[in-house]
Amino acid sequence: MVSPFRRSGRAVSVAAMLLLCGCSREARDIGPSIPQTPPRGATDPRIRFYQDNVYQIAQGGRYFTWYGCTACHAGDAPGVRDLTDRQWRRGGTFDRVYASIAHGHGRHRYAARIPIEQLWQITAHVRDLPRHTPEKRRRLAVDQVGEPRGADWPGPVR
């Protein structure tokens, strides 16, 4: 027969082992870190975390409105201002669209005003615009009622 002290000693040992195993550091995969630099070419591996991510595209749509992009690039914009026709003046790859928004956008240089991650998100949204149906555009417009727009949005606090 096993003594009661020996049995309780095993139980304590097992409990201690379980506690020690449970105290290990929890690892979480939260995706890539926030980009600190513009895209490095059309094959930058970070692009897929923005271009193929519904959340990032939606955030880009919010910033597109907040920063006043809809003033020139509304759904019925004429000519080169129409971003839904897939005819990109400076090229349609992610890095080209990003560069156009950040540095080569007429008199606007948004890289000085908009944080890099938000530029990534806006780029993902702009590249997604040709896939927006009229129904989706109406739904987005309804969702963004009450959001800051253009001159009302001074940008993030730096």
C-alpha atoms as a PDB file:
ATOM      1  CA  MET A   1       0.000   0.000   0.000  1.00  0.00           C
ATOM      2  CA  VAL A   2       1.264   3.496  -0.887  1.00  0.00           C
ATOM      3  CA  SER A   3       1.541   5.898   2.015  1.00  0.00           C
ATOM      4  CA  PRO A   4      -0.781   8.955   1.978  1.00  0.00           C
ATOM      5  CA  PHE A   5       2.259  11.261   2.076  1.00  0.00           C
ATOM      6  CA  ARG A   6       3.658   9.706  -1.052  1.00  0.00           C
ATOM      7  CA  ARG A   7       0.311  10.005  -2.873  1.00  0.00           C
ATOM      8  CA  SER A   8      -0.112  13.668  -1.901  1.00  0.00           C
ATOM      9  CA  GLY A   9       3.521  14.309  -2.852  1.00  0.00           C
ATOM     10  CA  ARG A  10       2.812  13.066  -6.377  1.00  0.00           C
ATOM     11  CA  ALA A  11      -0.285  15.236  -6.592  1.00  0.00           C
ATOM     12  CA  VAL A  12       1.707  18.264  -5.504  1.00  0.00           C
ATOM     13  CA  SER A  13       4.428  17.455  -8.051  1.00  0.00           C
ATOM     14  CA  VAL A  14       1.896  17.103 -10.864  1.00  0.00           C
ATOM     15  CA  ALA A  15       0.180  20.354  -9.846  1.00  0.00           C
ATOM     16  CA  ALA A  16       3.534  22.173  -9.736  1.00  0.00           C
ATOM     17  CA  MET A  17       4.461  20.859 -13.193  1.00  0.00           C
ATOM     18  CA  LEU A  18       1.124  22.012 -14.628  1.00  0.00           C
ATOM     19  CA  LEU A  19       1.523  25.459 -13.092  1.00  0.00           C
ATOM     20  CA  LEU A  20       5.047  25.818 -14.446  1.00  0.00           C
ATOM     21  CA  CYS A  21       3.922  24.805 -17.926  1.00  0.00           C
ATOM     22  CA  GLY A  22       1.034  27.261 -17.756  1.00  0.00           C
ATOM     23  CA  CYS A  23       3.337  30.134 -16.838  1.00  0.00           C
ATOM     24  CA  SER A  24       5.199  30.136 -20.105  1.00  0.00           C
ATOM     25  CA  ARG A  25       5.018  33.346 -22.056  1.00  0.00           C
ATOM     26  CA  GLU A  26       2.022  33.583 -24.347  1.00  0.00           C
ATOM     27  CA  ALA A  27       2.933  34.009 -27.998  1.00  0.00           C
ATOM     28  CA  ARG A  28       0.561  35.889 -30.298  1.00  0.00           C
ATOM     29  CA  ASP A  29       0.853  36.366 -33.988  1.00  0.00           C
ATOM     30  CA  ILE A  30      -0.626  39.773 -34.693  1.00  0.00           C
ATOM     31  CA  GLY A  31       0.656  40.068 -38.229  1.00  0.00           C
ATOM     32  CA  PRO A  32       3.343  42.340 -39.575  1.00  0.00           C
ATOM     33  CA  SER A  33       4.461  45.400 -37.718  1.00  0.00           C
ATOM     34  CA  ILE A  34       3.324  48.790 -38.915  1.00  0.00           C
ATOM     35  CA  PRO A  35       5.335  49.726 -42.005  1.00  0.00           C
ATOM     36  CA  GLN A  36       7.945  52.392 -41.417  1.00  0.00           C
ATOM     37  CA  THR A  37       8.902  52.767 -45.066  1.00  0.00           C
ATOM     38  CA  PRO A  38       7.118  52.961 -48.422  1.00  0.00           C
ATOM     39  CA  PRO A  39       6.715  49.789 -50.501  1.00  0.00           C
ATOM     40  CA  ARG A  40       9.963  48.467 -51.964  1.00  0.00           C
ATOM     41  CA  GLY A  41       8.707  47.679 -55.440  1.00  0.00           C
ATOM     42  CA  ALA A  42       5.653  45.850 -56.766  1.00  0.00           C
ATOM     43  CA  THR A  43       6.678  42.579 -55.103  1.00  0.00           C
ATOM     44  CA  ASP A  44       7.176  43.894 -51.571  1.00  0.00           C
ATOM     45  CA  PRO A  45       5.895  41.066 -49.334  1.00  0.00           C
ATOM     46  CA  ARG A  46       4.140  43.555 -47.025  1.00  0.00           C
ATOM     47  CA  ILE A  47       1.699  44.506 -49.790  1.00  0.00           C
ATOM     48  CA  ARG A  48      -0.417  41.388 -49.358  1.00  0.00           C
ATOM     49  CA  PHE A  49      -1.143  42.310 -45.722  1.00  0.00           C
ATOM     50  CA  TYR A  50      -2.829  45.473 -46.982  1.00  0.00           C
ATOM     51  CA  GLN A  51      -4.107  44.678 -50.459  1.00  0.00           C
ATOM     52  CA  ASP A  52      -5.730  41.378 -49.502  1.00  0.00           C
ATOM     53  CA  ASN A  53      -7.080  42.551 -46.136  1.00  0.00           C
ATOM     54  CA  VAL A  54     -10.670  43.811 -45.936  1.00  0.00           C
ATOM     55  CA  TYR A  55      -9.982  45.679 -42.691  1.00  0.00           C
ATOM     56  CA  GLN A  56      -6.986  47.569 -44.145  1.00  0.00           C
ATOM     57  CA  ILE A  57      -8.944  48.442 -47.306  1.00  0.00           C
ATOM     58  CA  ALA A  58     -11.872  49.697 -45.209  1.00  0.00           C
ATOM     59  CA  GLN A  59      -9.547  51.811 -43.052  1.00  0.00           C
ATOM     60  CA  GLY A  60      -8.063  53.217 -46.243  1.00  0.00           C
ATOM     61  CA  GLY A  61     -11.581  54.157 -47.350  1.00  0.00           C
ATOM     62  CA  ARG A  62     -12.135  56.052 -44.128  1.00  0.00           C
ATOM     63  CA  TYR A  63      -8.872  57.951 -44.537  1.00  0.00           C
ATOM     64  CA  PHE A  64      -9.665  58.564 -48.218  1.00  0.00           C
ATOM     65  CA  THR A  65     -12.752  60.434 -47.038  1.00  0.00           C
ATOM     66  CA  TRP A  66     -11.155  62.018 -43.965  1.00  0.00           C
ATOM     67  CA  TYR A  67      -8.303  63.587 -45.922  1.00  0.00           C
ATOM     68  CA  GLY A  68     -10.684  64.961 -48.540  1.00  0.00           C
ATOM     69  CA  CYS A  69      -9.713  62.733 -51.463  1.00  0.00           C
ATOM     70  CA  THR A  70     -13.375  62.449 -52.442  1.00  0.00           C
ATOM     71  CA  ALA A  71     -13.399  66.157 -53.315  1.00  0.00           C
ATOM     72  CA  CYS A  72     -11.491  65.314 -56.507  1.00  0.00           C
ATOM     73  CA  HIS A  73     -11.901  61.543 -56.768  1.00  0.00           C
ATOM     74  CA  ALA A  74     -15.613  60.957 -56.196  1.00  0.00           C
ATOM     75  CA  GLY A  75     -17.271  58.054 -58.016  1.00  0.00           C
ATOM     76  CA  ASP A  76     -18.306  60.279 -60.949  1.00  0.00           C
ATOM     77  CA  ALA A  77     -14.974  62.116 -61.318  1.00  0.00           C
ATOM     78  CA  PRO A  78     -13.987  62.871 -64.929  1.00  0.00           C
ATOM     79  CA  GLY A  79     -10.859  61.758 -66.758  1.00  0.00           C
ATOM     80  CA  VAL A  80      -7.715  61.002 -64.774  1.00  0.00           C
ATOM     81  CA  ARG A  81      -9.521  61.765 -61.518  1.00  0.00           C
ATOM     82  CA  ASP A  82     -11.707  58.694 -62.026  1.00  0.00           C
ATOM     83  CA  LEU A  83      -9.991  55.992 -59.982  1.00  0.00           C
ATOM     84  CA  THR A  84     -12.536  53.310 -60.828  1.00  0.00           C
ATOM     85  CA  ASP A  85     -11.648  52.832 -64.509  1.00  0.00           C
ATOM     86  CA  ARG A  86      -8.331  50.942 -63.993  1.00  0.00           C
ATOM     87  CA  GLN A  87      -6.508  53.455 -66.210  1.00  0.00           C
ATOM     88  CA  TRP A  88      -3.711  54.571 -63.943  1.00  0.00           C
ATOM     89  CA  ARG A  89      -1.717  57.504 -65.244  1.00  0.00           C
ATOM     90  CA  ARG A  90       1.467  56.553 -63.362  1.00  0.00           C
ATOM     91  CA  GLY A  91       0.970  52.777 -63.280  1.00  0.00           C
ATOM     92  CA  GLY A  92      -1.368  50.605 -61.246  1.00  0.00           C
ATOM     93  CA  THR A  93       0.985  48.501 -59.144  1.00  0.00           C
ATOM     94  CA  PHE A  94       0.779  49.043 -55.399  1.00  0.00           C
ATOM     95  CA  ASP A  95       4.135  50.816 -55.187  1.00  0.00           C
ATOM     96  CA  ARG A  96       3.271  53.148 -58.099  1.00  0.00           C
ATOM     97  CA  VAL A  97      -0.105  54.119 -56.667  1.00  0.00           C
ATOM     98  CA  TYR A  98       1.516  54.665 -53.251  1.00  0.00           C
ATOM     99  CA  ALA A  99       4.190  56.907 -54.797  1.00  0.00           C
ATOM    100  CA  SER A 100       1.572  58.852 -56.735  1.00  0.00           C
ATOM    101  CA  ILE A 101      -0.433  59.544 -53.578  1.00  0.00           C
ATOM    102  CA  ALA A 102       2.576  60.265 -51.376  1.00  0.00           C
ATOM    103  CA  HIS A 103       4.808  62.303 -53.692  1.00  0.00           C
ATOM    104  CA  GLY A 104       3.464  62.968 -57.156  1.00  0.00           C
ATOM    105  CA  HIS A 105      -0.058  64.153 -56.643  1.00  0.00           C
ATOM    106  CA  GLY A 106      -0.212  67.520 -58.354  1.00  0.00           C
ATOM    107  CA  ARG A 107       0.315  70.247 -55.799  1.00  0.00           C
ATOM    108  CA  HIS A 108      -0.326  67.861 -52.899  1.00  0.00           C
ATOM    109  CA  ARG A 109       2.486  65.942 -51.236  1.00  0.00           C
ATOM    110  CA  TYR A 110       0.640  63.743 -48.791  1.00  0.00           C
ATOM    111  CA  ALA A 111       3.768  62.019 -47.462  1.00  0.00           C
ATOM    112  CA  ALA A 112       4.397  65.129 -45.352  1.00  0.00           C
ATOM    113  CA  ARG A 113       0.866  65.067 -43.933  1.00  0.00           C
ATOM    114  CA  ILE A 114      -0.257  61.439 -43.741  1.00  0.00           C
ATOM    115  CA  PRO A 115       1.515  58.732 -41.701  1.00  0.00           C
ATOM    116  CA  ILE A 116       3.072  55.894 -43.670  1.00  0.00           C
ATOM    117  CA  GLU A 117       0.668  53.194 -42.489  1.00  0.00           C
ATOM    118  CA  GLN A 118      -2.316  55.314 -43.480  1.00  0.00           C
ATOM    119  CA  LEU A 119      -0.759  55.821 -46.915  1.00  0.00           C
ATOM    120  CA  TRP A 120      -0.525  52.029 -47.225  1.00  0.00           C
ATOM    121  CA  GLN A 121      -4.192  51.737 -46.269  1.00  0.00           C
ATOM    122  CA  ILE A 122      -5.306  54.477 -48.659  1.00  0.00           C
ATOM    123  CA  THR A 123      -3.329  52.824 -51.444  1.00  0.00           C
ATOM    124  CA  ALA A 124      -5.038  49.498 -50.773  1.00  0.00           C
ATOM    125  CA  HIS A 125      -8.410  51.249 -50.899  1.00  0.00           C
ATOM    126  CA  VAL A 126      -7.634  53.125 -54.117  1.00  0.00           C
ATOM    127  CA  ARG A 127      -6.497  49.933 -55.822  1.00  0.00           C
ATOM    128  CA  ASP A 128      -9.727  48.264 -54.665  1.00  0.00           C
ATOM    129  CA  LEU A 129     -11.989  51.018 -56.056  1.00  0.00           C
ATOM    130  CA  PRO A 130     -12.425  49.465 -59.531  1.00  0.00           C
ATOM    131  CA  ARG A 131     -14.067  46.454 -57.839  1.00  0.00           C
ATOM    132  CA  HIS A 132     -16.650  48.573 -56.009  1.00  0.00           C
ATOM    133  CA  THR A 133     -20.163  48.124 -57.333  1.00  0.00           C
ATOM    134  CA  PRO A 134     -22.663  51.003 -57.161  1.00  0.00           C
ATOM    135  CA  GLU A 135     -24.337  49.198 -54.247  1.00  0.00           C
ATOM    136  CA  LYS A 136     -21.062  49.023 -52.332  1.00  0.00           C
ATOM    137  CA  ARG A 137     -20.378  52.708 -52.983  1.00  0.00           C
ATOM    138  CA  ARG A 138     -23.802  53.626 -51.591  1.00  0.00           C
ATOM    139  CA  ARG A 139     -23.247  51.418 -48.538  1.00  0.00           C
ATOM    140  CA  LEU A 140     -19.851  53.002 -47.879  1.00  0.00           C
ATOM    141  CA  ALA A 141     -21.375  56.466 -48.196  1.00  0.00           C
ATOM    142  CA  VAL A 142     -24.038  55.566 -45.625  1.00  0.00           C
ATOM    143  CA  ASP A 143     -21.430  54.017 -43.307  1.00  0.00           C
ATOM    144  CA  GLN A 144     -19.322  57.176 -43.429  1.00  0.00           C
ATOM    145  CA  VAL A 145     -22.079  59.640 -42.584  1.00  0.00           C
ATOM    146  CA  GLY A 146     -20.835  61.665 -39.647  1.00  0.00           C
ATOM    147  CA  GLU A 147     -17.167  60.883 -40.296  1.00  0.00           C
ATOM    148  CA  PRO A 148     -14.777  63.853 -40.606  1.00  0.00           C
ATOM    149  CA  ARG A 149     -14.283  65.015 -44.183  1.00  0.00           C
ATOM    150  CA  GLY A 150     -11.539  66.970 -45.890  1.00  0.00           C
ATOM    151  CA  ALA A 151     -11.022  70.370 -44.263  1.00  0.00           C
ATOM    152  CA  ASP A 152     -12.793  69.150 -41.111  1.00  0.00           C
ATOM    153  CA  TRP A 153     -10.080  66.508 -40.574  1.00  0.00           C
ATOM    154  CA  PRO A 154      -6.757  68.033 -39.576  1.00  0.00           C
ATOM    155  CA  GLY A 155      -4.992  64.677 -39.608  1.00  0.00           C
ATOM    156  CA  PRO A 156      -3.522  62.625 -36.781  1.00  0.00           C
ATOM    157  CA  VAL A 157      -1.857  64.249 -33.821  1.00  0.00           C
ATOM    158  CA  ARG A 158       1.894  63.968 -34.200  1.00  0.00           C
END
